[in-house]
Amino acid sequence: MIDTGFYIGLGYANTTVDLEDFDDFGESIPQFGVRAGYMFTDNFRIDLTGAVVGDASEDNVSVEVGMLALSGIASLSLGNNFDLYAKLGAARVNASASLLGLELSDQSSTELFWGI
């Protein structure tokens, strides 16, 4: 039996950025994240995840990436140590690039995601 209620957690992600106009830029951006959610039952919860903005610089090019996601998660227990779960949500991703302090690109998009 899993306890229900609020939960919080920490996470780590590593985003690889490839800029079309700068062939030499291929940096990985480490990001730390915070997540919080509410488990309504043993089988259903909502989850809010935010990745703290990470940045990388190479040859006077700087890139920053951040993300905020909201998802619903349904799970089915397969014993004491395993769960099968499905996740469906939407994420808002912000990315910006600059060269010597001049803005090259500043883009945001909202993307649907899912996983099993």
Protein backbone atom coordinates (compact mmCIF):
# COMPACT_ATOMS: atom_id res chain seq x y z
CA MET A 1 0.00 0.00 0.00
CA ILE A 2 1.38 3.41 -1.01
CA ASP A 3 0.64 6.49 1.04
CA THR A 4 -1.39 9.20 -0.65
CA GLY A 5 -0.99 12.97 -0.32
CA PHE A 6 1.59 15.60 -1.23
CA TYR A 7 5.16 14.80 -2.21
CA ILE A 8 8.26 16.74 -3.29
CA GLY A 9 11.49 15.65 -4.92
CA LEU A 10 14.67 16.76 -6.64
CA GLY A 11 15.96 15.75 -10.06
CA TYR A 12 18.77 16.18 -12.55
CA ALA A 13 18.65 16.42 -16.34
CA ASN A 14 21.30 16.86 -18.99
CA THR A 15 20.14 18.65 -22.16
CA THR A 16 22.27 18.53 -25.30
CA VAL A 17 22.06 21.63 -27.49
CA ASP A 18 23.02 21.69 -31.16
CA LEU A 19 22.95 25.09 -32.87
CA GLU A 20 22.49 24.96 -36.67
CA ASP A 21 24.55 28.09 -37.39
CA PHE A 22 27.41 27.10 -35.09
CA ASP A 23 28.76 23.69 -36.07
CA ASP A 24 31.29 23.67 -33.23
CA PHE A 25 28.66 24.17 -30.50
CA GLY A 26 27.51 20.88 -29.04
CA GLU A 27 27.35 21.51 -25.33
CA SER A 28 25.49 19.55 -22.68
CA ILE A 29 23.62 21.71 -20.20
CA PRO A 30 23.19 20.32 -16.69
CA GLN A 31 19.87 21.24 -15.06
CA PHE A 32 18.62 20.61 -11.56
CA GLY A 33 14.91 20.36 -11.02
CA VAL A 34 12.25 20.41 -8.37
CA ARG A 35 9.06 18.41 -8.54
CA ALA A 36 5.93 18.43 -6.44
CA GLY A 37 2.72 16.53 -6.76
CA TYR A 38 -0.31 15.08 -5.17
CA MET A 39 -1.10 11.36 -5.05
CA PHE A 40 -4.91 11.03 -5.02
CA THR A 41 -4.91 7.23 -4.80
CA ASP A 42 -2.36 4.43 -5.04
CA ASN A 43 -2.97 4.53 -8.80
CA PHE A 44 -3.30 8.21 -9.79
CA ARG A 45 -1.34 11.40 -9.19
CA ILE A 46 -0.55 14.78 -10.71
CA ASP A 47 3.02 16.03 -10.96
CA LEU A 48 4.49 19.52 -11.49
CA THR A 49 8.17 19.56 -12.49
CA GLY A 50 10.37 22.59 -13.00
CA ALA A 51 13.95 22.45 -14.28
CA VAL A 52 16.07 25.27 -13.00
CA VAL A 53 17.57 27.19 -15.91
CA GLY A 54 20.85 25.65 -17.00
CA ASP A 55 23.40 27.33 -19.23
CA ALA A 56 26.48 26.53 -21.28
CA SER A 57 29.06 28.65 -23.08
CA GLU A 58 31.52 27.82 -25.85
CA ASP A 59 33.44 30.12 -28.22
CA ASN A 60 31.52 33.24 -27.09
CA VAL A 61 28.14 31.53 -27.66
CA SER A 62 25.90 31.15 -24.58
CA VAL A 63 22.76 29.02 -24.34
CA GLU A 64 20.16 28.86 -21.54
CA VAL A 65 17.39 26.27 -21.24
CA GLY A 66 14.50 26.00 -18.74
CA MET A 67 11.35 23.88 -18.48
CA LEU A 68 8.08 23.64 -16.53
CA ALA A 69 5.84 20.55 -16.93
CA LEU A 70 2.48 19.39 -15.60
CA SER A 71 1.47 15.75 -15.98
CA GLY A 72 -0.95 13.11 -14.85
CA ILE A 73 0.38 9.68 -13.90
CA ALA A 74 -1.60 6.43 -13.65
CA SER A 75 0.14 3.38 -12.17
CA LEU A 76 -0.50 -0.29 -11.61
CA SER A 77 1.44 -2.23 -8.98
CA LEU A 78 3.16 -5.38 -10.28
CA GLY A 79 4.33 -6.57 -6.89
CA ASN A 80 6.30 -5.12 -4.01
CA ASN A 81 9.12 -3.69 -6.11
CA PHE A 82 7.66 -2.81 -9.53
CA ASP A 83 4.98 -0.52 -10.96
CA LEU A 84 3.80 -0.11 -14.52
CA TYR A 85 2.83 3.49 -15.16
CA ALA A 86 1.68 5.81 -17.92
CA LYS A 87 2.39 9.54 -17.92
CA LEU A 88 0.70 12.23 -20.04
CA GLY A 89 1.38 15.95 -19.79
CA ALA A 90 2.46 19.25 -21.29
CA ALA A 91 5.79 21.05 -20.90
CA ARG A 92 6.70 24.69 -21.50
CA VAL A 93 10.31 24.90 -22.72
CA ASN A 94 12.28 28.15 -23.00
CA ALA A 95 15.64 28.36 -24.79
CA SER A 96 17.79 31.36 -25.64
CA ALA A 97 21.16 31.76 -27.35
CA SER A 98 23.47 34.75 -27.50
CA LEU A 99 26.79 35.61 -29.15
CA LEU A 100 29.07 37.99 -27.26
CA GLY A 101 26.05 39.20 -25.29
CA LEU A 102 23.88 39.85 -28.38
CA GLU A 103 20.69 37.80 -28.51
CA LEU A 104 20.65 35.30 -31.38
CA SER A 105 17.49 33.43 -30.51
CA ASP A 106 14.86 33.37 -27.78
CA GLN A 107 12.26 30.67 -28.27
CA SER A 108 9.49 29.15 -26.20
CA SER A 109 7.16 26.32 -27.01
CA THR A 110 4.61 24.12 -25.29
CA GLU A 111 4.94 20.44 -26.09
CA LEU A 112 2.81 17.42 -25.21
CA PHE A 113 4.66 14.39 -23.86
CA TRP A 114 3.83 10.88 -22.79
CA GLY A 115 5.62 7.84 -21.49
CA ILE A 116 5.03 4.28 -20.36
